[in-house]
Amino acid sequence: MYNILGIDQNGRKEVLGFYLADSEGSGLVY
């Protein structure tokens, strides 16, 4: 679950923002 860390291979924080948005949404979208 590297998405939680917000650090992807590109080193961007978009993953973290996506995780937060997904958390507010419904279920997990990978």
PDB file of N, CA and C in Angstrom:
ATOM      1  N   MET A   1       0.835  -1.197   0.000  1.00  0.00           N
ATOM      2  CA  MET A   1       0.000   0.000   0.000  1.00  0.00           C
ATOM      3  C   MET A   1       0.869   1.245   0.000  1.00  0.00           C
ATOM      4  N   TYR A   2       1.703   1.390  -1.010  1.00  0.00           N
ATOM      5  CA  TYR A   2       2.574   2.556  -1.107  1.00  0.00           C
ATOM      6  C   TYR A   2       1.756   3.812  -1.379  1.00  0.00           C
ATOM      7  N   ASN A   3       0.518   3.613  -1.853  1.00  0.00           N
ATOM      8  CA  ASN A   3      -0.339   4.767  -2.153  1.00  0.00           C
ATOM      9  C   ASN A   3      -0.562   5.617  -0.912  1.00  0.00           C
ATOM     10  N   ILE A   4      -0.653   4.953   0.247  1.00  0.00           N
ATOM     11  CA  ILE A   4      -0.893   5.680   1.495  1.00  0.00           C
ATOM     12  C   ILE A   4       0.266   6.635   1.777  1.00  0.00           C
ATOM     13  N   LEU A   5       1.473   6.199   1.443  1.00  0.00           N
ATOM     14  CA  LEU A   5       2.648   7.034   1.689  1.00  0.00           C
ATOM     15  C   LEU A   5       2.622   8.265   0.797  1.00  0.00           C
ATOM     16  N   GLY A   6       1.953   8.158  -0.351  1.00  0.00           N
ATOM     17  CA  GLY A   6       1.876   9.295  -1.257  1.00  0.00           C
ATOM     18  C   GLY A   6       3.156   9.440  -2.057  1.00  0.00           C
ATOM     19  N   ILE A   7       3.926   8.364  -2.158  1.00  0.00           N
ATOM     20  CA  ILE A   7       5.180   8.436  -2.918  1.00  0.00           C
ATOM     21  C   ILE A   7       5.206   7.320  -3.956  1.00  0.00           C
ATOM     22  N   ASP A   8       4.949   7.677  -5.199  1.00  0.00           N
ATOM     23  CA  ASP A   8       4.960   6.665  -6.248  1.00  0.00           C
ATOM     24  C   ASP A   8       6.333   6.606  -6.895  1.00  0.00           C
ATOM     25  N   GLN A   9       6.441   5.848  -7.969  1.00  0.00           N
ATOM     26  CA  GLN A   9       7.724   5.705  -8.654  1.00  0.00           C
ATOM     27  C   GLN A   9       8.219   7.052  -9.165  1.00  0.00           C
ATOM     28  N   ASN A  10       7.293   7.915  -9.536  1.00  0.00           N
ATOM     29  CA  ASN A  10       7.672   9.234 -10.051  1.00  0.00           C
ATOM     30  C   ASN A  10       8.001  10.194  -8.920  1.00  0.00           C
ATOM     31  N   GLY A  11       7.674   9.788  -7.696  1.00  0.00           N
ATOM     32  CA  GLY A  11       7.967  10.649  -6.547  1.00  0.00           C
ATOM     33  C   GLY A  11       6.976  11.788  -6.425  1.00  0.00           C
ATOM     34  N   ARG A  12       5.789  11.601  -6.991  1.00  0.00           N
ATOM     35  CA  ARG A  12       4.772  12.660  -6.903  1.00  0.00           C
ATOM     36  C   ARG A  12       3.825  12.399  -5.743  1.00  0.00           C
ATOM     37  N   LYS A  13       3.145  13.434  -5.313  1.00  0.00           N
ATOM     38  CA  LYS A  13       2.225  13.295  -4.182  1.00  0.00           C
ATOM     39  C   LYS A  13       0.791  13.111  -4.668  1.00  0.00           C
ATOM     40  N   GLU A  14       0.628  12.928  -5.979  1.00  0.00           N
ATOM     41  CA  GLU A  14      -0.712  12.746  -6.521  1.00  0.00           C
ATOM     42  C   GLU A  14      -1.346  11.491  -5.934  1.00  0.00           C
ATOM     43  N   VAL A  15      -0.497  10.520  -5.614  1.00  0.00           N
ATOM     44  CA  VAL A  15      -1.000   9.263  -5.065  1.00  0.00           C
ATOM     45  C   VAL A  15      -1.686   9.511  -3.732  1.00  0.00           C
ATOM     46  N   LEU A  16      -1.066  10.340  -2.901  1.00  0.00           N
ATOM     47  CA  LEU A  16      -1.631  10.658  -1.592  1.00  0.00           C
ATOM     48  C   LEU A  16      -2.977  11.349  -1.761  1.00  0.00           C
ATOM     49  N   GLY A  17      -3.025  12.328  -2.641  1.00  0.00           N
ATOM     50  CA  GLY A  17      -4.273  13.044  -2.895  1.00  0.00           C
ATOM     51  C   GLY A  17      -5.328  12.094  -3.435  1.00  0.00           C
ATOM     52  N   PHE A  18      -4.910  11.175  -4.297  1.00  0.00           N
ATOM     53  CA  PHE A  18      -5.844  10.209  -4.865  1.00  0.00           C
ATOM     54  C   PHE A  18      -6.383   9.306  -3.769  1.00  0.00           C
ATOM     55  N   TYR A  19      -5.501   8.920  -2.851  1.00  0.00           N
ATOM     56  CA  TYR A  19      -5.912   8.028  -1.761  1.00  0.00           C
ATOM     57  C   TYR A  19      -6.951   8.718  -0.879  1.00  0.00           C
ATOM     58  N   LEU A  20      -6.705   9.981  -0.567  1.00  0.00           N
ATOM     59  CA  LEU A  20      -7.626  10.740   0.284  1.00  0.00           C
ATOM     60  C   LEU A  20      -8.971  10.894  -0.421  1.00  0.00           C
ATOM     61  N   ALA A  21      -8.938  11.222  -1.692  1.00  0.00           N
ATOM     62  CA  ALA A  21     -10.159  11.406  -2.469  1.00  0.00           C
ATOM     63  C   ALA A  21     -10.901  10.077  -2.543  1.00  0.00           C
ATOM     64  N   ASP A  22     -10.151   8.990  -2.721  1.00  0.00           N
ATOM     65  CA  ASP A  22     -10.764   7.671  -2.818  1.00  0.00           C
ATOM     66  C   ASP A  22     -11.371   7.283  -1.473  1.00  0.00           C
ATOM     67  N   SER A  23     -10.705   7.674  -0.395  1.00  0.00           N
ATOM     68  CA  SER A  23     -11.193   7.344   0.944  1.00  0.00           C
ATOM     69  C   SER A  23     -12.565   7.980   1.165  1.00  0.00           C
ATOM     70  N   GLU A  24     -12.731   9.200   0.678  1.00  0.00           N
ATOM     71  CA  GLU A  24     -14.007   9.896   0.827  1.00  0.00           C
ATOM     72  C   GLU A  24     -15.038   9.313  -0.137  1.00  0.00           C
ATOM     73  N   GLY A  25     -14.538   8.707  -1.209  1.00  0.00           N
ATOM     74  CA  GLY A  25     -15.424   8.120  -2.215  1.00  0.00           C
ATOM     75  C   GLY A  25     -15.985   6.793  -1.737  1.00  0.00           C
ATOM     76  N   SER A  26     -16.142   5.855  -2.676  1.00  0.00           N
ATOM     77  CA  SER A  26     -16.693   4.557  -2.299  1.00  0.00           C
ATOM     78  C   SER A  26     -15.730   3.450  -2.691  1.00  0.00           C
ATOM     79  N   GLY A  27     -15.350   2.612  -1.753  1.00  0.00           N
ATOM     80  CA  GLY A  27     -14.466   1.478  -2.025  1.00  0.00           C
ATOM     81  C   GLY A  27     -13.092   1.915  -2.496  1.00  0.00           C
ATOM     82  N   LEU A  28     -12.293   0.928  -2.904  1.00  0.00           N
ATOM     83  CA  LEU A  28     -10.936   1.235  -3.375  1.00  0.00           C
ATOM     84  C   LEU A  28     -10.862   1.108  -4.885  1.00  0.00           C
ATOM     85  N   VAL A  29     -10.227   2.070  -5.531  1.00  0.00           N
ATOM     86  CA  VAL A  29     -10.102   2.030  -6.991  1.00  0.00           C
ATOM     87  C   VAL A  29      -8.637   1.993  -7.360  1.00  0.00           C
ATOM     88  N   TYR A  30      -8.136   0.808  -7.651  1.00  0.00           N
ATOM     89  CA  TYR A  30      -6.721   0.694  -8.016  1.00  0.00           C
ATOM     90  C   TYR A  30      -6.594   0.472  -9.502  1.00  0.00           C
TER      91      TYR A  30
END
